[in-house]
Amino acid sequence: DEMEEEGVEGKKEEEEKEDPVVIGMTLHSSFHFGLVRPLTFGGLCSGKIPLADRFYVGGPGQLRGFMPAGIGPRASRGGSSVPGGDSLGGDLFYTSTLAASVPFPKSISTLRHNGARLFGFVNAGTCVSTTGGASGTVSLLGMPAWNQILKSSRVSVGGGVSVGSPMGRFEATYAVPLRYGPRDARKAVQFGFGFSFG
C-alpha cells in the first residue's frame, strides 16, 4: 500500500510539472533611481545642471509606452517630431518594472526552440526637476518634492515577445499608458534591443 501511495504521489507531481502555465513562468522586476546636484564650489561655478548631464526617461528599455525622453520637463517651444516641446530633462528620476514571462506554446515550436517568450508587464516612473521656481531648490526630503514625484508618476501596462541572442535581448511590445501627462510623447508599439558585452 505504501509503495502504491508513493507511486500515485509521484505521478501527481509529474502531471503538475507538465502544466504550461506554471512551468517556465518567470517573474522579473527592476528599479532604477537617479539624482544629480550641481557642484558650485562655494559659488565659483553656476548652480545650473547642463542639459547633457540631466536624466531623460522613456522608451522600451526604461518606460514602455512612451518615446525616448518622452516624459519630464519640456520647453514651451520645439518638439516638431514629438508633441509638447523639446525635452529639457530632469534632475531626479525613477523607473520600475514588474513582469511575468512564459515560453511560447509548443504549437509554435520554431519560436519556442529559439527561446522566445511571451511576457506581460507593468511599468511606472517619472522624471522631474526639483530645482527652479520662486523658492529655488526644493528639498528632496521635504513634502513638496515627494508630492511632485508622486503626482508626476506615469504608469503603463502591456505585453510583448522577447528573444534572447548572443548579442543581447530583442523585444517587441505593445503598451497602454494608464497615467500620463498632456505633453508626454506616447508610443504604443515599440521595438527594443539590449546589448550585452563580455
C-alpha atoms as a PDB file:
ATOM      1  CA  ASP A   1       0.000   0.000   0.000  1.00  0.00           C
ATOM      2  CA  GLU A   2       2.805   2.405   0.889  1.00  0.00           C
ATOM      3  CA  MET A   3       4.524   1.726  -2.450  1.00  0.00           C
ATOM      4  CA  GLU A   4       1.303   2.387  -4.354  1.00  0.00           C
ATOM      5  CA  GLU A   5       0.723   5.666  -2.475  1.00  0.00           C
ATOM      6  CA  GLU A   6       4.244   6.829  -3.308  1.00  0.00           C
ATOM      7  CA  GLY A   7       3.684   5.901  -6.951  1.00  0.00           C
ATOM      8  CA  VAL A   8       0.458   7.917  -7.070  1.00  0.00           C
ATOM      9  CA  GLU A   9       2.143  10.915  -5.439  1.00  0.00           C
ATOM     10  CA  GLY A  10       4.996  10.719  -7.936  1.00  0.00           C
ATOM     11  CA  LYS A  11       2.526  10.712 -10.839  1.00  0.00           C
ATOM     12  CA  LYS A  12       0.690  13.738  -9.492  1.00  0.00           C
ATOM     13  CA  GLU A  13       3.944  15.707  -9.233  1.00  0.00           C
ATOM     14  CA  GLU A  14       4.803  14.760 -12.800  1.00  0.00           C
ATOM     15  CA  GLU A  15       1.418  15.952 -14.042  1.00  0.00           C
ATOM     16  CA  GLU A  16       1.867  19.275 -12.254  1.00  0.00           C
ATOM     17  CA  LYS A  17       5.240  19.735 -13.935  1.00  0.00           C
ATOM     18  CA  GLU A  18       3.573  19.422 -17.338  1.00  0.00           C
ATOM     19  CA  ASP A  19       1.276  22.360 -16.582  1.00  0.00           C
ATOM     20  CA  PRO A  20       2.310  25.014 -19.160  1.00  0.00           C
ATOM     21  CA  VAL A  21       1.027  27.879 -17.011  1.00  0.00           C
ATOM     22  CA  VAL A  22       3.299  27.042 -14.080  1.00  0.00           C
ATOM     23  CA  ILE A  23       6.325  25.535 -15.776  1.00  0.00           C
ATOM     24  CA  GLY A  24       8.697  28.062 -17.253  1.00  0.00           C
ATOM     25  CA  MET A  25       6.976  31.121 -15.777  1.00  0.00           C
ATOM     26  CA  THR A  26       9.483  33.704 -14.627  1.00  0.00           C
ATOM     27  CA  LEU A  27       8.896  36.873 -12.661  1.00  0.00           C
ATOM     28  CA  HIS A  28      11.097  39.888 -13.410  1.00  0.00           C
ATOM     29  CA  SER A  29      11.447  43.146 -11.517  1.00  0.00           C
ATOM     30  CA  SER A  30      13.704  46.169 -11.691  1.00  0.00           C
ATOM     31  CA  PHE A  31      14.036  49.584 -10.084  1.00  0.00           C
ATOM     32  CA  HIS A  32      16.275  52.448 -11.193  1.00  0.00           C
ATOM     33  CA  PHE A  33      16.728  55.790  -9.474  1.00  0.00           C
ATOM     34  CA  GLY A  34      18.905  58.819 -10.077  1.00  0.00           C
ATOM     35  CA  LEU A  35      19.509  62.215  -8.532  1.00  0.00           C
ATOM     36  CA  VAL A  36      22.001  64.815  -9.772  1.00  0.00           C
ATOM     37  CA  ARG A  37      23.067  68.002  -7.998  1.00  0.00           C
ATOM     38  CA  PRO A  38      25.467  70.694  -9.270  1.00  0.00           C
ATOM     39  CA  LEU A  39      28.866  71.307  -7.685  1.00  0.00           C
ATOM     40  CA  THR A  40      29.127  75.054  -7.118  1.00  0.00           C
ATOM     41  CA  PHE A  41      32.432  75.118  -5.192  1.00  0.00           C
ATOM     42  CA  GLY A  42      31.159  77.833  -2.884  1.00  0.00           C
ATOM     43  CA  GLY A  43      29.641  79.938  -5.659  1.00  0.00           C
ATOM     44  CA  LEU A  44      32.575  79.727  -8.092  1.00  0.00           C
ATOM     45  CA  CYS A  45      30.514  77.697 -10.586  1.00  0.00           C
ATOM     46  CA  SER A  46      26.986  78.072 -11.867  1.00  0.00           C
ATOM     47  CA  GLY A  47      24.331  76.173  -9.966  1.00  0.00           C
ATOM     48  CA  LYS A  48      22.672  75.055 -13.202  1.00  0.00           C
ATOM     49  CA  ILE A  49      22.873  71.465 -14.401  1.00  0.00           C
ATOM     50  CA  PRO A  50      23.845  71.262 -18.102  1.00  0.00           C
ATOM     51  CA  LEU A  51      21.297  69.634 -20.431  1.00  0.00           C
ATOM     52  CA  ALA A  52      23.749  66.825 -21.243  1.00  0.00           C
ATOM     53  CA  ASP A  53      24.001  65.855 -17.551  1.00  0.00           C
ATOM     54  CA  ARG A  54      20.261  65.629 -16.895  1.00  0.00           C
ATOM     55  CA  PHE A  55      18.143  62.487 -16.924  1.00  0.00           C
ATOM     56  CA  TYR A  56      15.850  61.626 -19.837  1.00  0.00           C
ATOM     57  CA  VAL A  57      13.242  58.899 -19.390  1.00  0.00           C
ATOM     58  CA  GLY A  58      11.151  56.860 -21.827  1.00  0.00           C
ATOM     59  CA  GLY A  59      11.442  54.128 -24.415  1.00  0.00           C
ATOM     60  CA  PRO A  60      11.428  50.324 -24.404  1.00  0.00           C
ATOM     61  CA  GLY A  61      14.484  49.995 -22.181  1.00  0.00           C
ATOM     62  CA  GLN A  62      13.082  52.239 -19.449  1.00  0.00           C
ATOM     63  CA  LEU A  63       9.416  53.149 -19.583  1.00  0.00           C
ATOM     64  CA  ARG A  64       7.410  51.288 -22.226  1.00  0.00           C
ATOM     65  CA  GLY A  65       4.505  53.130 -23.802  1.00  0.00           C
ATOM     66  CA  PHE A  66       6.472  56.384 -24.009  1.00  0.00           C
ATOM     67  CA  MET A  67       9.015  57.557 -26.562  1.00  0.00           C
ATOM     68  CA  PRO A  68      12.676  58.063 -25.552  1.00  0.00           C
ATOM     69  CA  ALA A  69      12.818  61.274 -23.494  1.00  0.00           C
ATOM     70  CA  GLY A  70       9.032  61.216 -23.748  1.00  0.00           C
ATOM     71  CA  ILE A  71       8.244  62.325 -20.183  1.00  0.00           C
ATOM     72  CA  GLY A  72       9.521  65.027 -17.865  1.00  0.00           C
ATOM     73  CA  PRO A  73      10.097  68.772 -18.104  1.00  0.00           C
ATOM     74  CA  ARG A  74       9.604  70.209 -21.582  1.00  0.00           C
ATOM     75  CA  ALA A  75      10.283  73.505 -23.317  1.00  0.00           C
ATOM     76  CA  SER A  76       7.351  75.665 -24.364  1.00  0.00           C
ATOM     77  CA  ARG A  77       8.605  75.567 -27.974  1.00  0.00           C
ATOM     78  CA  GLY A  78      10.070  72.978 -30.286  1.00  0.00           C
ATOM     79  CA  GLY A  79       9.148  69.356 -30.434  1.00  0.00           C
ATOM     80  CA  SER A  80       8.412  69.111 -34.143  1.00  0.00           C
ATOM     81  CA  SER A  81       8.929  65.333 -34.031  1.00  0.00           C
ATOM     82  CA  VAL A  82       7.165  64.838 -30.675  1.00  0.00           C
ATOM     83  CA  PRO A  83       4.245  66.703 -29.106  1.00  0.00           C
ATOM     84  CA  GLY A  84       4.681  69.050 -26.183  1.00  0.00           C
ATOM     85  CA  GLY A  85       8.001  70.794 -26.853  1.00  0.00           C
ATOM     86  CA  ASP A  86      11.625  69.682 -26.622  1.00  0.00           C
ATOM     87  CA  SER A  87      12.633  67.609 -23.611  1.00  0.00           C
ATOM     88  CA  LEU A  88      14.682  69.520 -21.020  1.00  0.00           C
ATOM     89  CA  GLY A  89      15.494  66.535 -18.806  1.00  0.00           C
ATOM     90  CA  GLY A  90      15.212  66.355 -15.046  1.00  0.00           C
ATOM     91  CA  ASP A  91      17.496  66.096 -12.051  1.00  0.00           C
ATOM     92  CA  LEU A  92      15.582  63.223 -10.445  1.00  0.00           C
ATOM     93  CA  PHE A  93      14.073  60.099 -11.991  1.00  0.00           C
ATOM     94  CA  TYR A  94      12.901  56.618 -11.160  1.00  0.00           C
ATOM     95  CA  THR A  95      11.633  53.720 -13.255  1.00  0.00           C
ATOM     96  CA  SER A  96      10.284  50.388 -12.082  1.00  0.00           C
ATOM     97  CA  THR A  97       9.117  47.260 -13.860  1.00  0.00           C
ATOM     98  CA  LEU A  98       7.222  44.172 -12.782  1.00  0.00           C
ATOM     99  CA  ALA A  99       6.858  41.497 -15.477  1.00  0.00           C
ATOM    100  CA  ALA A 100       5.977  37.826 -15.887  1.00  0.00           C
ATOM    101  CA  SER A 101       7.084  35.734 -18.861  1.00  0.00           C
ATOM    102  CA  VAL A 102       6.352  32.238 -20.177  1.00  0.00           C
ATOM    103  CA  PRO A 103       7.814  30.211 -23.060  1.00  0.00           C
ATOM    104  CA  PHE A 104       5.943  30.148 -26.340  1.00  0.00           C
ATOM    105  CA  PRO A 105       3.329  27.374 -26.643  1.00  0.00           C
ATOM    106  CA  LYS A 106       4.546  24.043 -28.047  1.00  0.00           C
ATOM    107  CA  SER A 107       2.355  24.581 -31.112  1.00  0.00           C
ATOM    108  CA  ILE A 108       4.769  27.326 -32.261  1.00  0.00           C
ATOM    109  CA  SER A 109       7.857  25.173 -31.963  1.00  0.00           C
ATOM    110  CA  THR A 110      10.247  27.357 -34.005  1.00  0.00           C
ATOM    111  CA  LEU A 111       9.908  30.349 -31.679  1.00  0.00           C
ATOM    112  CA  ARG A 112       9.869  28.146 -28.582  1.00  0.00           C
ATOM    113  CA  HIS A 113      13.028  26.324 -29.721  1.00  0.00           C
ATOM    114  CA  ASN A 114      14.820  29.680 -30.203  1.00  0.00           C
ATOM    115  CA  GLY A 115      13.995  30.820 -26.675  1.00  0.00           C
ATOM    116  CA  ALA A 116      11.207  33.280 -27.469  1.00  0.00           C
ATOM    117  CA  ARG A 117       8.995  34.202 -24.536  1.00  0.00           C
ATOM    118  CA  LEU A 118       5.640  35.930 -24.115  1.00  0.00           C
ATOM    119  CA  PHE A 119       5.509  38.480 -21.309  1.00  0.00           C
ATOM    120  CA  GLY A 120       3.202  40.941 -19.627  1.00  0.00           C
ATOM    121  CA  PHE A 121       4.386  43.963 -17.673  1.00  0.00           C
ATOM    122  CA  VAL A 122       3.557  46.988 -15.559  1.00  0.00           C
ATOM    123  CA  ASN A 123       5.913  49.998 -15.758  1.00  0.00           C
ATOM    124  CA  ALA A 124       5.957  53.089 -13.556  1.00  0.00           C
ATOM    125  CA  GLY A 125       8.306  56.046 -13.461  1.00  0.00           C
ATOM    126  CA  THR A 126       8.862  59.764 -13.593  1.00  0.00           C
ATOM    127  CA  CYS A 127      11.429  62.414 -14.452  1.00  0.00           C
ATOM    128  CA  VAL A 128      11.206  65.751 -12.624  1.00  0.00           C
ATOM    129  CA  SER A 129      13.161  68.901 -11.951  1.00  0.00           C
ATOM    130  CA  THR A 130      13.400  69.615  -8.227  1.00  0.00           C
ATOM    131  CA  THR A 131      15.162  72.957  -8.777  1.00  0.00           C
ATOM    132  CA  GLY A 132      13.807  76.257 -10.014  1.00  0.00           C
ATOM    133  CA  GLY A 133      10.688  78.191  -9.287  1.00  0.00           C
ATOM    134  CA  ALA A 134      10.310  81.080  -6.867  1.00  0.00           C
ATOM    135  CA  SER A 135      11.668  79.168  -3.877  1.00  0.00           C
ATOM    136  CA  GLY A 136      14.781  77.888  -5.668  1.00  0.00           C
ATOM    137  CA  THR A 137      15.725  74.362  -4.655  1.00  0.00           C
ATOM    138  CA  VAL A 138      13.002  72.057  -3.351  1.00  0.00           C
ATOM    139  CA  SER A 139      14.214  69.721  -0.604  1.00  0.00           C
ATOM    140  CA  LEU A 140      14.075  66.078  -1.682  1.00  0.00           C
ATOM    141  CA  LEU A 141      13.158  65.032   1.850  1.00  0.00           C
ATOM    142  CA  GLY A 142      10.557  67.774   2.099  1.00  0.00           C
ATOM    143  CA  MET A 143       6.904  67.120   1.372  1.00  0.00           C
ATOM    144  CA  PRO A 144       6.693  69.267  -1.814  1.00  0.00           C
ATOM    145  CA  ALA A 145       9.334  67.120  -3.564  1.00  0.00           C
ATOM    146  CA  TRP A 146       7.643  63.814  -2.653  1.00  0.00           C
ATOM    147  CA  ASN A 147       4.269  65.176  -3.773  1.00  0.00           C
ATOM    148  CA  GLN A 148       5.846  66.248  -7.067  1.00  0.00           C
ATOM    149  CA  ILE A 149       7.287  62.763  -7.599  1.00  0.00           C
ATOM    150  CA  LEU A 150       4.006  61.011  -6.821  1.00  0.00           C
ATOM    151  CA  LYS A 151       1.829  63.382  -8.857  1.00  0.00           C
ATOM    152  CA  SER A 152       4.090  63.178 -11.907  1.00  0.00           C
ATOM    153  CA  SER A 153       4.475  59.369 -11.938  1.00  0.00           C
ATOM    154  CA  ARG A 154       3.429  57.661 -15.160  1.00  0.00           C
ATOM    155  CA  VAL A 155       2.092  54.097 -15.389  1.00  0.00           C
ATOM    156  CA  SER A 156       1.734  51.759 -18.371  1.00  0.00           C
ATOM    157  CA  VAL A 157       0.740  48.121 -18.868  1.00  0.00           C
ATOM    158  CA  GLY A 158       1.154  45.800 -21.817  1.00  0.00           C
ATOM    159  CA  GLY A 159       2.615  42.673 -23.282  1.00  0.00           C
ATOM    160  CA  GLY A 160       5.162  41.539 -25.783  1.00  0.00           C
ATOM    161  CA  VAL A 161       7.561  38.977 -27.185  1.00  0.00           C
ATOM    162  CA  SER A 162      11.226  38.714 -26.251  1.00  0.00           C
ATOM    163  CA  VAL A 163      14.012  36.656 -27.815  1.00  0.00           C
ATOM    164  CA  GLY A 164      17.496  36.221 -26.419  1.00  0.00           C
ATOM    165  CA  SER A 165      20.512  36.228 -28.742  1.00  0.00           C
ATOM    166  CA  PRO A 166      24.291  36.086 -28.259  1.00  0.00           C
ATOM    167  CA  MET A 167      24.383  39.874 -28.781  1.00  0.00           C
ATOM    168  CA  GLY A 168      21.551  40.693 -26.363  1.00  0.00           C
ATOM    169  CA  ARG A 169      17.801  40.665 -25.902  1.00  0.00           C
ATOM    170  CA  PHE A 170      15.337  41.743 -28.590  1.00  0.00           C
ATOM    171  CA  GLU A 171      11.766  42.656 -27.674  1.00  0.00           C
ATOM    172  CA  ALA A 172       8.614  43.822 -29.400  1.00  0.00           C
ATOM    173  CA  THR A 173       5.964  45.294 -27.103  1.00  0.00           C
ATOM    174  CA  TYR A 174       2.523  46.839 -27.096  1.00  0.00           C
ATOM    175  CA  ALA A 175       1.873  49.172 -24.162  1.00  0.00           C
ATOM    176  CA  VAL A 176      -1.091  51.212 -22.986  1.00  0.00           C
ATOM    177  CA  PRO A 177      -0.234  54.228 -20.808  1.00  0.00           C
ATOM    178  CA  LEU A 178      -2.743  54.370 -17.944  1.00  0.00           C
ATOM    179  CA  ARG A 179      -1.371  57.516 -16.367  1.00  0.00           C
ATOM    180  CA  TYR A 180       0.325  60.193 -18.443  1.00  0.00           C
ATOM    181  CA  GLY A 181       0.683  63.949 -18.823  1.00  0.00           C
ATOM    182  CA  PRO A 182      -0.816  66.110 -21.576  1.00  0.00           C
ATOM    183  CA  ARG A 183       2.623  66.911 -23.039  1.00  0.00           C
ATOM    184  CA  ASP A 184       4.035  63.363 -22.908  1.00  0.00           C
ATOM    185  CA  ALA A 185       5.211  61.697 -26.112  1.00  0.00           C
ATOM    186  CA  ARG A 186       3.486  58.300 -26.129  1.00  0.00           C
ATOM    187  CA  LYS A 187       4.010  55.322 -28.402  1.00  0.00           C
ATOM    188  CA  ALA A 188       2.087  52.042 -28.153  1.00  0.00           C
ATOM    189  CA  VAL A 189       4.164  49.698 -30.359  1.00  0.00           C
ATOM    190  CA  GLN A 190       7.895  49.606 -29.690  1.00  0.00           C
ATOM    191  CA  PHE A 191      10.928  47.535 -30.549  1.00  0.00           C
ATOM    192  CA  GLY A 192      13.964  47.349 -28.286  1.00  0.00           C
ATOM    193  CA  PHE A 193      17.365  45.723 -28.300  1.00  0.00           C
ATOM    194  CA  GLY A 194      19.530  45.351 -25.190  1.00  0.00           C
ATOM    195  CA  PHE A 195      23.206  44.807 -25.929  1.00  0.00           C
ATOM    196  CA  SER A 196      25.367  42.647 -23.704  1.00  0.00           C
ATOM    197  CA  PHE A 197      29.159  42.572 -23.807  1.00  0.00           C
ATOM    198  CA  GLY A 198      31.715  40.478 -22.014  1.00  0.00           C
END
